[in-house]
C-alpha atoms as a PDB file:
ATOM      1  CA  UNK A   1     151.822  78.934 119.072  1.00  0.00           C
ATOM      2  CA  UNK A   2     148.721  81.019 119.572  1.00  0.00           C
ATOM      3  CA  UNK A   3     150.568  84.343 119.562  1.00  0.00           C
ATOM      4  CA  UNK A   4     152.214  83.648 116.195  1.00  0.00           C
ATOM      5  CA  UNK A   5     148.796  82.752 114.674  1.00  0.00           C
ATOM      6  CA  UNK A   6     147.289  86.020 115.956  1.00  0.00           C
ATOM      7  CA  UNK A   7     150.197  88.062 114.529  1.00  0.00           C
ATOM      8  CA  UNK A   8     149.921  86.254 111.192  1.00  0.00           C
ATOM      9  CA  UNK A   9     146.186  87.018 111.086  1.00  0.00           C
ATOM     10  CA  UNK A  10     146.798  90.732 111.825  1.00  0.00           C
ATOM     11  CA  UNK A  11     149.460  90.937 109.072  1.00  0.00           C
ATOM     12  CA  UNK A  12     146.995  89.409 106.591  1.00  0.00           C
ATOM     13  CA  UNK A  13     144.314  91.906 107.667  1.00  0.00           C
ATOM     14  CA  UNK A  14     146.710  94.818 107.024  1.00  0.00           C
ATOM     15  CA  UNK A  15     147.619  93.347 103.604  1.00  0.00           C
ATOM     16  CA  UNK A  16     143.904  93.049 102.674  1.00  0.00           C
ATOM     17  CA  UNK A  17     143.218  96.633 103.797  1.00  0.00           C
ATOM     18  CA  UNK A  18     145.879  97.811 101.320  1.00  0.00           C
ATOM     19  CA  UNK A  19     143.915  96.134  98.499  1.00  0.00           C
ATOM     20  CA  UNK A  20     140.666  97.989  99.300  1.00  0.00           C
ATOM     21  CA  UNK A  21     139.609 100.696  96.853  1.00  0.00           C
ATOM     22  CA  UNK A  22     138.064 103.412  99.000  1.00  0.00           C
ATOM     23  CA  UNK A  23     135.469 105.759  97.428  1.00  0.00           C
ATOM     24  CA  UNK A  24     136.466 109.337  96.635  1.00  0.00           C
ATOM     25  CA  UNK A  25     135.160 112.128  98.860  1.00  0.00           C
ATOM     26  CA  UNK A  26     132.524 113.299  96.317  1.00  0.00           C
ATOM     27  CA  UNK A  27     131.176 109.763  95.845  1.00  0.00           C
ATOM     28  CA  UNK A  28     131.077 109.240  99.613  1.00  0.00           C
ATOM     29  CA  UNK A  29     129.085 112.455 100.117  1.00  0.00           C
ATOM     30  CA  UNK A  30     126.652 111.570  97.294  1.00  0.00           C
ATOM     31  CA  UNK A  31     126.076 108.046  98.616  1.00  0.00           C
ATOM     32  CA  UNK A  32     125.549 109.384 102.140  1.00  0.00           C
ATOM     33  CA  UNK A  33     122.910 111.812 100.839  1.00  0.00           C
ATOM     34  CA  UNK A  34     121.181 108.952  98.991  1.00  0.00           C
ATOM     35  CA  UNK A  35     121.069 106.778 102.132  1.00  0.00           C
ATOM     36  CA  UNK A  36     119.784 109.606 104.336  1.00  0.00           C
ATOM     37  CA  UNK A  37     117.153 110.597 101.739  1.00  0.00           C
ATOM     38  CA  UNK A  38     115.962 107.017 101.364  1.00  0.00           C
ATOM     39  CA  UNK A  39     115.772 106.624 105.155  1.00  0.00           C
ATOM     40  CA  UNK A  40     113.698 109.815 105.502  1.00  0.00           C
ATOM     41  CA  UNK A  41     111.312 108.758 102.705  1.00  0.00           C
ATOM     42  CA  UNK A  42     110.778 105.290 104.189  1.00  0.00           C
ATOM     43  CA  UNK A  43     110.251 106.730 107.679  1.00  0.00           C
ATOM     44  CA  UNK A  44     107.650 109.197 106.319  1.00  0.00           C
ATOM     45  CA  UNK A  45     105.791 106.385 104.531  1.00  0.00           C
ATOM     46  CA  UNK A  46     105.812 104.138 107.599  1.00  0.00           C
ATOM     47  CA  UNK A  47     104.825 107.057 109.838  1.00  0.00           C
ATOM     48  CA  UNK A  48     101.920 107.847 107.505  1.00  0.00           C
ATOM     49  CA  UNK A  49     100.682 104.256 107.601  1.00  0.00           C
ATOM     50  CA  UNK A  50     101.024 104.240 111.390  1.00  0.00           C
ATOM     51  CA  UNK A  51      99.010 107.461 111.619  1.00  0.00           C
ATOM     52  CA  UNK A  52      96.273 106.109 109.324  1.00  0.00           C
ATOM     53  CA  UNK A  53      95.984 102.784 111.141  1.00  0.00           C
ATOM     54  CA  UNK A  54      96.027 104.423 114.583  1.00  0.00           C
ATOM     55  CA  UNK A  55      93.255 106.853 113.661  1.00  0.00           C
ATOM     56  CA  UNK A  56      91.244 104.157 111.858  1.00  0.00           C
ATOM     57  CA  UNK A  57      91.289 101.857 114.870  1.00  0.00           C
ATOM     58  CA  UNK A  58      90.493 104.774 117.191  1.00  0.00           C
ATOM     59  CA  UNK A  59      87.497 105.653 115.001  1.00  0.00           C
ATOM     60  CA  UNK A  60      86.332 102.032 115.016  1.00  0.00           C
ATOM     61  CA  UNK A  61      86.661 101.967 118.787  1.00  0.00           C
ATOM     62  CA  UNK A  62      84.579 105.129 119.117  1.00  0.00           C
ATOM     63  CA  UNK A  63      81.833 103.740 116.870  1.00  0.00           C
ATOM     64  CA  UNK A  64      81.740 100.466 118.767  1.00  0.00           C
ATOM     65  CA  UNK A  65      81.465 102.115 122.184  1.00  0.00           C
ATOM     66  CA  UNK A  66      78.979 104.775 121.058  1.00  0.00           C
ATOM     67  CA  UNK A  67      75.590 104.106 122.715  1.00  0.00           C
ATOM     68  CA  UNK A  68      72.674 103.275 120.452  1.00  0.00           C
ATOM     69  CA  UNK A  69      70.063 105.982 120.042  1.00  0.00           C
ATOM     70  CA  UNK A  70      67.093 103.607 120.331  1.00  0.00           C
ATOM     71  CA  UNK A  71      67.840 100.610 122.493  1.00  0.00           C
ATOM     72  CA  UNK A  72      65.429  97.715 122.138  1.00  0.00           C
ATOM     73  CA  UNK A  73      64.987  94.822 124.549  1.00  0.00           C
ATOM     74  CA  UNK A  74      65.301  91.374 122.887  1.00  0.00           C
ATOM     75  CA  UNK A  75      61.576  90.622 123.396  1.00  0.00           C
ATOM     76  CA  UNK A  76      60.590  93.927 121.805  1.00  0.00           C
ATOM     77  CA  UNK A  77      62.889  93.235 118.844  1.00  0.00           C
ATOM     78  CA  UNK A  78      61.270  89.841 118.218  1.00  0.00           C
ATOM     79  CA  UNK A  79      57.793  91.346 118.334  1.00  0.00           C
ATOM     80  CA  UNK A  80      58.829  94.134 115.971  1.00  0.00           C
ATOM     81  CA  UNK A  81      60.276  91.737 113.417  1.00  0.00           C
ATOM     82  CA  UNK A  82      57.441  89.200 113.497  1.00  0.00           C
ATOM     83  CA  UNK A  83      55.198  89.239 110.397  1.00  0.00           C
ATOM     84  CA  UNK A  84      52.038  89.785 112.446  1.00  0.00           C
ATOM     85  CA  UNK A  85      53.344  92.948 114.082  1.00  0.00           C
ATOM     86  CA  UNK A  86      51.991  96.247 112.873  1.00  0.00           C
ATOM     87  CA  UNK A  87      53.927  99.408 113.553  1.00  0.00           C
ATOM     88  CA  UNK A  88      52.320 101.790 115.978  1.00  0.00           C
ATOM     89  CA  UNK A  89      53.211 105.232 117.221  1.00  0.00           C
ATOM     90  CA  UNK A  90      54.564 103.719 120.447  1.00  0.00           C
ATOM     91  CA  UNK A  91      56.732 101.008 118.853  1.00  0.00           C
ATOM     92  CA  UNK A  92      60.479 101.362 119.052  1.00  0.00           C
ATOM     93  CA  UNK A  93      62.309 100.981 115.736  1.00  0.00           C
ATOM     94  CA  UNK A  94      65.876  99.779 116.216  1.00  0.00           C
ATOM     95  CA  UNK A  95      68.573 101.683 114.401  1.00  0.00           C
ATOM     96  CA  UNK A  96      72.147 100.863 113.470  1.00  0.00           C
ATOM     97  CA  UNK A  97      74.715 103.643 113.563  1.00  0.00           C
ATOM     98  CA  UNK A  98      77.180 103.255 110.688  1.00  0.00           C
ATOM     99  CA  UNK A  99      78.923 106.590 111.162  1.00  0.00           C
ATOM    100  CA  UNK A 100      78.013 109.829 112.934  1.00  0.00           C
ATOM    101  CA  UNK A 101      76.434 111.139 109.718  1.00  0.00           C
ATOM    102  CA  UNK A 102      74.661 107.959 108.529  1.00  0.00           C
ATOM    103  CA  UNK A 103      72.113 105.870 110.411  1.00  0.00           C
ATOM    104  CA  UNK A 104      69.943 103.039 109.154  1.00  0.00           C
ATOM    105  CA  UNK A 105      66.519 102.407 110.646  1.00  0.00           C
ATOM    106  CA  UNK A 106      65.261  98.835 110.709  1.00  0.00           C
ATOM    107  CA  UNK A 107      61.483  98.798 110.401  1.00  0.00           C
ATOM    108  CA  UNK A 108      59.209  95.748 110.616  1.00  0.00           C
ATOM    109  CA  UNK A 109      58.274  93.969 107.412  1.00  0.00           C
ATOM    110  CA  UNK A 110      54.841  94.944 106.063  1.00  0.00           C
ATOM    111  CA  UNK A 111      52.103  92.322 106.371  1.00  0.00           C
ATOM    112  CA  UNK A 112      49.979  91.205 103.431  1.00  0.00           C
END
């Protein structure tokens, strides 16, 4: 019957538990310290990567949404980059902002 199978299973479980070699108290404490230490180290590493990636993407987002200092209309840009154009005092030179400290100015190519 079902009840006799369940009782037989429980008796076998008890017999197997008697065969288990349990660790001593000192070994258990040492292994617990190792597991907790490893968990803290891994969490610090993952937290550091999370912090770096979060700040990197935030910085990229700020650079992308930062308005350009010299905005140029598409027609003005084409005239500035054409070989026949000569720079004048009134011409707008487009610039690319790489970071807050570094900017690159794009000037028209000199004509021969």
